[in-house]
């Protein structure tokens, strides 16, 4: 929903926007947001993603945030990848959509949940409210101790409405520490002064035989 604004106002390339002609591409992004962090990271690296933006309204009570829109991402992803993403996995045992105490493990492990609620469990909005109280949903979130391995928080606005995460690159690629090295050079063959005065002899030198031009009478 924010692709056009990001491209127009920030001059940044986005993967999805309001142009929905490529449903399979949108489904791939939706699958990334619906998956756990390690699987989502593989998709992000495949798409060469540098940053991920989420809109979160749990602090100010904004109901149009990405958590409330999340089911649409799940549904679009399930349409293209039904063996991997299933909408029912994101509901509670009683069939409700919730990020509270009854939330499913699939929901709590999704990268959307983690990016929305990272560090939120320590935030207290009022004297009588416990940490992790979501003003939009009206209850305490199901998991407060959210950790990230492949994403790093790059920017969060004062009211937490906009949250941007940087994608780690080449986490598992081995690195070689720099060391000062000495390259051994081979000595060039020495040429004696005597050898310089001698003329070389070409072996098997071809001989040129002049032909005779035939006379025409």
Protein backbone atom coordinates (compact mmCIF):
# COMPACT_ATOMS: atom_id res chain seq x y z
CA UNK A 1 0.00 0.00 0.00
CA UNK A 2 2.96 2.34 0.44
CA UNK A 3 4.98 1.53 -2.66
CA UNK A 4 3.97 4.60 -4.66
CA UNK A 5 4.61 6.94 -1.73
CA UNK A 6 8.04 5.46 -1.07
CA UNK A 7 9.00 5.61 -4.74
CA UNK A 8 7.67 9.14 -5.23
CA UNK A 9 8.67 10.80 -1.97
CA UNK A 10 11.83 8.89 -1.03
CA UNK A 11 13.05 7.90 -4.52
CA UNK A 12 13.49 4.29 -3.45
CA UNK A 13 12.74 1.14 -5.44
CA UNK A 14 9.95 -1.01 -4.01
CA UNK A 15 8.96 -4.60 -4.70
CA UNK A 16 5.18 -4.19 -4.38
CA UNK A 17 2.79 -1.26 -4.68
CA UNK A 18 -0.85 -0.66 -5.57
CA UNK A 19 -0.24 -1.98 -9.08
CA UNK A 20 -1.45 -5.55 -8.58
CA UNK A 21 -0.95 -6.94 -12.09
CA UNK A 22 1.76 -9.42 -10.99
CA UNK A 23 -0.11 -11.59 -8.51
CA UNK A 24 2.63 -14.23 -8.22
CA UNK A 25 5.18 -11.58 -7.23
CA UNK A 26 2.86 -10.13 -4.61
CA UNK A 27 2.20 -13.65 -3.33
CA UNK A 28 5.95 -14.22 -2.93
CA UNK A 29 6.27 -11.08 -0.82
CA UNK A 30 3.19 -12.11 1.15
CA UNK A 31 4.74 -15.51 1.78
CA UNK A 32 7.85 -13.82 3.13
CA UNK A 33 5.81 -11.71 5.56
CA UNK A 34 3.80 -14.78 6.62
CA UNK A 35 6.81 -17.05 7.19
CA UNK A 36 9.21 -17.44 10.07
CA UNK A 37 12.33 -15.31 10.06
CA UNK A 38 14.78 -17.82 8.56
CA UNK A 39 12.50 -18.72 5.64
CA UNK A 40 11.53 -15.08 5.11
CA UNK A 41 15.22 -14.17 5.01
CA UNK A 42 15.85 -16.61 2.17
CA UNK A 43 13.08 -14.98 0.13
CA UNK A 44 14.37 -11.49 0.90
CA UNK A 45 17.88 -12.42 -0.21
CA UNK A 46 16.47 -13.96 -3.38
CA UNK A 47 14.65 -10.70 -4.10
CA UNK A 48 17.75 -8.67 -3.13
CA UNK A 49 15.90 -6.76 -0.40
CA UNK A 50 17.80 -4.18 1.65
CA UNK A 51 15.07 -2.77 3.89
CA UNK A 52 11.56 -3.77 4.99
CA UNK A 53 8.93 -1.26 6.11
CA UNK A 54 5.91 -2.02 8.30
CA UNK A 55 3.15 0.23 9.58
CA UNK A 56 2.32 -0.43 13.24
CA UNK A 57 -0.54 1.26 15.08
CA UNK A 58 -0.38 -0.48 18.45
CA UNK A 59 0.97 2.59 20.23
CA UNK A 60 -1.38 5.27 18.92
CA UNK A 61 -4.42 3.08 18.23
CA UNK A 62 -4.23 3.24 14.44
CA UNK A 63 -6.44 0.45 13.07
CA UNK A 64 -5.19 0.59 9.48
CA UNK A 65 -1.81 -0.95 10.27
CA UNK A 66 -0.20 -4.04 8.77
CA UNK A 67 -1.27 -6.39 11.56
CA UNK A 68 -4.91 -5.73 10.72
CA UNK A 69 -4.14 -6.16 7.00
CA UNK A 70 -1.98 -9.22 7.56
CA UNK A 71 -4.64 -11.80 6.70
CA UNK A 72 -4.81 -10.47 3.14
CA UNK A 73 -1.09 -11.14 2.75
CA UNK A 74 -1.66 -14.67 4.04
CA UNK A 75 -4.58 -15.27 1.68
CA UNK A 76 -2.73 -14.01 -1.40
CA UNK A 77 0.31 -16.13 -0.48
CA UNK A 78 -1.87 -19.20 0.06
CA UNK A 79 -3.40 -18.74 -3.39
CA UNK A 80 0.01 -19.28 -5.01
CA UNK A 81 1.69 -21.45 -2.36
CA UNK A 82 -1.07 -23.55 -0.70
CA UNK A 83 1.36 -26.24 0.44
CA UNK A 84 3.42 -23.74 2.44
CA UNK A 85 0.97 -21.09 3.64
CA UNK A 86 -2.44 -21.99 5.13
CA UNK A 87 -4.75 -19.31 6.47
CA UNK A 88 -6.09 -21.56 9.22
CA UNK A 89 -2.64 -21.77 10.82
CA UNK A 90 -2.85 -18.09 11.77
CA UNK A 91 -6.07 -18.40 13.78
CA UNK A 92 -6.52 -19.42 17.39
CA UNK A 93 -7.89 -22.83 18.32
CA UNK A 94 -11.35 -21.26 18.53
CA UNK A 95 -11.00 -19.87 15.01
CA UNK A 96 -10.31 -16.22 15.89
CA UNK A 97 -7.71 -13.88 14.46
CA UNK A 98 -5.59 -12.77 17.40
CA UNK A 99 -2.06 -11.73 18.36
CA UNK A 100 -2.81 -12.12 22.07
CA UNK A 101 -2.33 -14.92 24.55
CA UNK A 102 -4.32 -17.40 22.43
CA UNK A 103 -2.41 -16.66 19.22
CA UNK A 104 -1.05 -19.63 17.27
CA UNK A 105 2.65 -20.41 17.06
CA UNK A 106 2.56 -19.75 13.33
CA UNK A 107 1.30 -16.23 13.98
CA UNK A 108 3.79 -15.55 16.78
CA UNK A 109 6.71 -16.80 14.68
CA UNK A 110 5.78 -14.86 11.54
CA UNK A 111 8.12 -12.09 10.49
CA UNK A 112 5.17 -9.69 10.40
CA UNK A 113 4.51 -10.26 14.10
CA UNK A 114 8.19 -9.95 14.95
CA UNK A 115 8.73 -6.72 13.02
CA UNK A 116 5.59 -5.17 14.47
CA UNK A 117 6.23 -6.12 18.10
CA UNK A 118 10.03 -6.06 18.35
CA UNK A 119 10.86 -4.26 21.68
CA UNK A 120 7.15 -3.59 22.18
CA UNK A 121 6.90 -5.95 25.15
CA UNK A 122 9.00 -3.55 27.26
CA UNK A 123 6.90 -0.51 26.37
CA UNK A 124 4.37 0.71 28.92
CA UNK A 125 1.81 3.15 27.57
CA UNK A 126 0.17 4.00 30.89
CA UNK A 127 0.64 3.68 34.62
CA UNK A 128 -2.01 0.98 34.94
CA UNK A 129 -1.20 -0.78 31.66
CA UNK A 130 1.29 -3.66 31.49
CA UNK A 131 4.10 -3.81 28.99
CA UNK A 132 3.09 -4.96 25.54
CA UNK A 133 -0.47 -3.62 25.67
CA UNK A 134 -1.68 -3.06 22.10
CA UNK A 135 -4.05 -0.09 21.98
CA UNK A 136 -5.41 -1.03 18.56
CA UNK A 137 -6.25 -4.63 19.45
CA UNK A 138 -7.11 -3.79 23.07
CA UNK A 139 -5.08 -6.51 24.82
CA UNK A 140 -1.54 -7.60 25.72
CA UNK A 141 0.36 -9.33 22.93
CA UNK A 142 0.98 -13.06 23.11
CA UNK A 143 4.77 -12.98 23.02
CA UNK A 144 6.80 -10.09 24.44
CA UNK A 145 10.36 -11.38 24.16
CA UNK A 146 10.73 -10.96 20.40
CA UNK A 147 14.23 -11.46 19.02
CA UNK A 148 15.59 -10.97 15.51
CA UNK A 149 18.50 -12.79 13.91
CA UNK A 150 18.50 -11.74 10.26
CA UNK A 151 16.89 -8.30 10.56
CA UNK A 152 18.12 -5.21 12.35
CA UNK A 153 15.94 -2.30 13.44
CA UNK A 154 17.07 0.68 11.38
CA UNK A 155 14.43 3.30 12.19
CA UNK A 156 11.25 3.68 14.23
CA UNK A 157 9.24 6.88 14.43
CA UNK A 158 8.40 8.48 17.76
CA UNK A 159 4.90 7.00 17.81
CA UNK A 160 6.07 3.67 16.36
CA UNK A 161 3.80 4.14 13.35
CA UNK A 162 6.58 3.53 10.81
CA UNK A 163 9.17 0.85 11.47
CA UNK A 164 12.02 0.08 9.08
CA UNK A 165 14.31 -2.95 9.32
CA UNK A 166 17.58 -3.60 7.56
CA UNK A 167 18.14 -7.04 6.08
CA UNK A 168 21.46 -8.63 7.02
CA UNK A 169 23.59 -9.68 4.07
CA UNK A 170 25.75 -12.77 3.77
CA UNK A 171 25.28 -13.87 7.35
CA UNK A 172 26.55 -17.39 6.74
CA UNK A 173 29.25 -16.59 4.25
CA UNK A 174 32.71 -17.40 5.70
CA UNK A 175 35.18 -14.55 5.80
CA UNK A 176 38.97 -14.63 5.62
CA UNK A 177 40.78 -12.36 8.03
CA UNK A 178 43.28 -9.99 6.50
CA UNK A 179 46.91 -10.89 7.04
CA UNK A 180 50.04 -9.25 5.75
CA UNK A 181 51.62 -11.66 3.33
CA UNK A 182 55.05 -11.91 1.81
CA UNK A 183 55.20 -13.12 -1.74
CA UNK A 184 58.29 -15.13 -2.57
CA UNK A 185 59.70 -14.12 -5.91
CA UNK A 186 61.81 -16.42 -8.04
CA UNK A 187 65.22 -15.20 -9.14
CA UNK A 188 65.42 -14.38 -12.80
CA UNK A 189 68.02 -16.42 -14.71
CA UNK A 190 71.36 -14.63 -15.00
CA UNK A 191 72.87 -14.09 -18.42
CA UNK A 192 76.64 -14.12 -18.64
CA UNK A 193 78.44 -11.36 -20.44
CA UNK A 194 80.13 -13.92 -22.64
CA UNK A 195 76.79 -15.13 -23.88
CA UNK A 196 75.89 -11.62 -25.05
CA UNK A 197 78.75 -11.46 -27.56
CA UNK A 198 77.92 -14.74 -29.20
CA UNK A 199 75.53 -14.82 -32.08
CA UNK A 200 72.78 -17.34 -32.05
CA UNK A 201 72.53 -20.04 -34.68
CA UNK A 202 69.17 -21.05 -36.09
CA UNK A 203 68.99 -24.79 -36.41
CA UNK A 204 67.29 -26.43 -39.38
CA UNK A 205 67.35 -23.17 -41.26
CA UNK A 206 65.19 -23.47 -44.38
CA UNK A 207 66.90 -22.92 -47.71
CA UNK A 208 65.25 -20.86 -50.40
CA UNK A 209 65.56 -22.12 -53.97
CA UNK A 210 64.88 -19.59 -56.68
CA UNK A 211 62.65 -20.82 -59.42
CA UNK A 212 63.15 -20.16 -63.13
CA UNK A 213 60.55 -18.23 -65.00
CA UNK A 214 59.39 -20.18 -68.03
CA UNK A 215 60.08 -18.50 -71.36
CA UNK A 216 57.19 -18.00 -73.75
CA UNK A 217 57.96 -18.35 -77.43
